[in-house]
Amino acid sequence: MTVFDDAIPAVAKLDPDAEYGSEDEADRWVATATTSLHVAGDAVDIGRSDATEWLSRHGAEHGLCQIYRNEPWHYELRTEAIEHGCPRMYADPTQDPRMQQ
């Protein structure tokens, strides 16, 4: 399964060549339906707003952490952050071992 699987509504109708040049290159940057924490309900993307600013300051208190330095809108549920703070951010998804395929 790839991020271009039309059977999965969250990732349907994506054009692999439009932004990344190829499906293989897109797979390096975009989680598949099997690896996406969005599909699992453990991640959310927040539009640029006061909410993003608030989450950057207070998200850890609620177990919500920014994971990728290049995606300030992407927050993941990390309940251990409530007591220990958010983990160190990855530069981008290609640095995240969970996204290695």
C-alpha atoms as a PDB file:
ATOM      1  CA  MET A   1       0.000   0.000   0.000  1.00  0.00           C
ATOM      2  CA  THR A   2       1.274   3.490  -0.791  1.00  0.00           C
ATOM      3  CA  VAL A   3       0.080   6.997   0.008  1.00  0.00           C
ATOM      4  CA  PHE A   4      -1.656   6.931  -3.355  1.00  0.00           C
ATOM      5  CA  ASP A   5      -4.143   4.196  -2.501  1.00  0.00           C
ATOM      6  CA  ASP A   6      -7.568   5.412  -3.676  1.00  0.00           C
ATOM      7  CA  ALA A   7      -9.252   2.977  -1.276  1.00  0.00           C
ATOM      8  CA  ILE A   8      -8.084   5.059   1.701  1.00  0.00           C
ATOM      9  CA  PRO A   9     -10.029   8.380   1.711  1.00  0.00           C
ATOM     10  CA  ALA A  10      -7.444  10.227   3.817  1.00  0.00           C
ATOM     11  CA  VAL A  11      -4.810   9.753   1.135  1.00  0.00           C
ATOM     12  CA  ALA A  12      -6.880   9.377  -2.019  1.00  0.00           C
ATOM     13  CA  LYS A  13      -6.468  11.538  -5.098  1.00  0.00           C
ATOM     14  CA  LEU A  14      -2.878  12.551  -4.359  1.00  0.00           C
ATOM     15  CA  ASP A  15      -0.639  13.067  -7.385  1.00  0.00           C
ATOM     16  CA  PRO A  16       2.815  11.635  -6.586  1.00  0.00           C
ATOM     17  CA  ASP A  17       4.510  13.665  -9.328  1.00  0.00           C
ATOM     18  CA  ALA A  18       2.910  17.026  -8.508  1.00  0.00           C
ATOM     19  CA  GLU A  19       5.047  17.899  -5.480  1.00  0.00           C
ATOM     20  CA  TYR A  20       7.665  15.169  -5.099  1.00  0.00           C
ATOM     21  CA  GLY A  21       8.464  14.105  -8.663  1.00  0.00           C
ATOM     22  CA  SER A  22       7.734  10.417  -8.150  1.00  0.00           C
ATOM     23  CA  GLU A  23       5.805   8.041  -5.940  1.00  0.00           C
ATOM     24  CA  ASP A  24       9.051   6.681  -4.459  1.00  0.00           C
ATOM     25  CA  GLU A  25      10.200  10.165  -3.448  1.00  0.00           C
ATOM     26  CA  ALA A  26       6.776  11.007  -1.996  1.00  0.00           C
ATOM     27  CA  ASP A  27       6.902   7.827   0.092  1.00  0.00           C
ATOM     28  CA  ARG A  28      10.024   9.257   1.790  1.00  0.00           C
ATOM     29  CA  TRP A  29       8.105  12.340   2.936  1.00  0.00           C
ATOM     30  CA  VAL A  30       4.471  11.307   3.344  1.00  0.00           C
ATOM     31  CA  ALA A  31       3.306   8.591   5.712  1.00  0.00           C
ATOM     32  CA  THR A  32       1.363   5.743   4.183  1.00  0.00           C
ATOM     33  CA  ALA A  33      -2.046   4.694   5.434  1.00  0.00           C
ATOM     34  CA  THR A  34      -0.320   1.928   7.398  1.00  0.00           C
ATOM     35  CA  THR A  35       2.257   4.233   9.051  1.00  0.00           C
ATOM     36  CA  SER A  36       0.243   7.442   9.430  1.00  0.00           C
ATOM     37  CA  LEU A  37      -0.609   8.412  12.972  1.00  0.00           C
ATOM     38  CA  HIS A  38      -3.392  10.541  11.471  1.00  0.00           C
ATOM     39  CA  VAL A  39      -5.155   7.383  10.281  1.00  0.00           C
ATOM     40  CA  ALA A  40      -4.624   5.838  13.731  1.00  0.00           C
ATOM     41  CA  GLY A  41      -6.154   8.932  15.390  1.00  0.00           C
ATOM     42  CA  ASP A  42      -2.910   9.874  17.179  1.00  0.00           C
ATOM     43  CA  ALA A  43      -1.912  12.922  15.102  1.00  0.00           C
ATOM     44  CA  VAL A  44      -3.519  16.134  13.955  1.00  0.00           C
ATOM     45  CA  ASP A  45      -2.561  18.968  11.630  1.00  0.00           C
ATOM     46  CA  ILE A  46      -3.462  22.435  12.876  1.00  0.00           C
ATOM     47  CA  GLY A  47      -3.788  25.324  10.438  1.00  0.00           C
ATOM     48  CA  ARG A  48      -1.724  28.438  11.000  1.00  0.00           C
ATOM     49  CA  SER A  49      -3.578  30.165  13.781  1.00  0.00           C
ATOM     50  CA  ASP A  50      -3.535  31.064  17.426  1.00  0.00           C
ATOM     51  CA  ALA A  51      -4.080  27.339  18.108  1.00  0.00           C
ATOM     52  CA  THR A  52      -0.680  26.466  16.640  1.00  0.00           C
ATOM     53  CA  GLU A  53       1.007  29.125  18.745  1.00  0.00           C
ATOM     54  CA  TRP A  54      -0.828  27.936  21.866  1.00  0.00           C
ATOM     55  CA  LEU A  55       0.089  24.294  21.210  1.00  0.00           C
ATOM     56  CA  SER A  56       3.748  25.168  20.750  1.00  0.00           C
ATOM     57  CA  ARG A  57       3.732  26.637  24.282  1.00  0.00           C
ATOM     58  CA  HIS A  58       1.285  24.344  26.095  1.00  0.00           C
ATOM     59  CA  GLY A  59       0.862  21.161  24.036  1.00  0.00           C
ATOM     60  CA  ALA A  60       3.230  19.048  26.156  1.00  0.00           C
ATOM     61  CA  GLU A  61       1.052  19.701  29.208  1.00  0.00           C
ATOM     62  CA  HIS A  62      -1.709  17.870  27.317  1.00  0.00           C
ATOM     63  CA  GLY A  63       0.456  15.229  25.658  1.00  0.00           C
ATOM     64  CA  LEU A  64       0.518  16.934  22.244  1.00  0.00           C
ATOM     65  CA  CYS A  65       3.934  17.443  20.654  1.00  0.00           C
ATOM     66  CA  GLN A  66       5.304  18.904  17.453  1.00  0.00           C
ATOM     67  CA  ILE A  67       7.412  16.097  15.998  1.00  0.00           C
ATOM     68  CA  TYR A  68       8.933  17.564  12.817  1.00  0.00           C
ATOM     69  CA  ARG A  69      10.800  20.860  12.764  1.00  0.00           C
ATOM     70  CA  ASN A  70       9.703  21.483   9.166  1.00  0.00           C
ATOM     71  CA  GLU A  71       5.990  20.837   9.942  1.00  0.00           C
ATOM     72  CA  PRO A  72       4.901  23.344  12.608  1.00  0.00           C
ATOM     73  CA  TRP A  73       1.279  22.304  12.030  1.00  0.00           C
ATOM     74  CA  HIS A  74       1.778  18.574  12.816  1.00  0.00           C
ATOM     75  CA  TYR A  75       1.164  17.428  16.414  1.00  0.00           C
ATOM     76  CA  GLU A  76       1.162  13.895  17.759  1.00  0.00           C
ATOM     77  CA  LEU A  77      -0.276  12.392  20.900  1.00  0.00           C
ATOM     78  CA  ARG A  78       2.634  11.668  23.254  1.00  0.00           C
ATOM     79  CA  THR A  79       1.127  11.145  26.698  1.00  0.00           C
ATOM     80  CA  GLU A  80       4.578  10.711  28.267  1.00  0.00           C
ATOM     81  CA  ALA A  81       5.161  14.411  27.463  1.00  0.00           C
ATOM     82  CA  ILE A  82       2.768  15.372  30.261  1.00  0.00           C
ATOM     83  CA  GLU A  83       5.416  14.350  32.798  1.00  0.00           C
ATOM     84  CA  HIS A  84       8.628  14.359  30.757  1.00  0.00           C
ATOM     85  CA  GLY A  85       8.155  16.988  28.060  1.00  0.00           C
ATOM     86  CA  CYS A  86       8.095  16.473  24.322  1.00  0.00           C
ATOM     87  CA  PRO A  87      10.823  14.422  22.655  1.00  0.00           C
ATOM     88  CA  ARG A  88      13.489  16.092  20.532  1.00  0.00           C
ATOM     89  CA  MET A  89      12.053  17.002  17.125  1.00  0.00           C
ATOM     90  CA  TYR A  90      13.161  15.367  13.906  1.00  0.00           C
ATOM     91  CA  ALA A  91      14.299  17.760  11.177  1.00  0.00           C
ATOM     92  CA  ASP A  92      11.684  16.274   8.842  1.00  0.00           C
ATOM     93  CA  PRO A  93       9.834  12.970   8.271  1.00  0.00           C
ATOM     94  CA  THR A  94      12.812  11.401   6.483  1.00  0.00           C
ATOM     95  CA  GLN A  95      14.681  11.448   9.808  1.00  0.00           C
ATOM     96  CA  ASP A  96      11.887   9.630  11.663  1.00  0.00           C
ATOM     97  CA  PRO A  97      12.682   5.914  11.940  1.00  0.00           C
ATOM     98  CA  ARG A  98       8.937   5.127  12.078  1.00  0.00           C
ATOM     99  CA  MET A  99       8.594   6.377   8.515  1.00  0.00           C
ATOM    100  CA  GLN A 100      11.381   4.196   7.080  1.00  0.00           C
ATOM    101  CA  GLN A 101       9.978   1.823   4.500  1.00  0.00           C
END
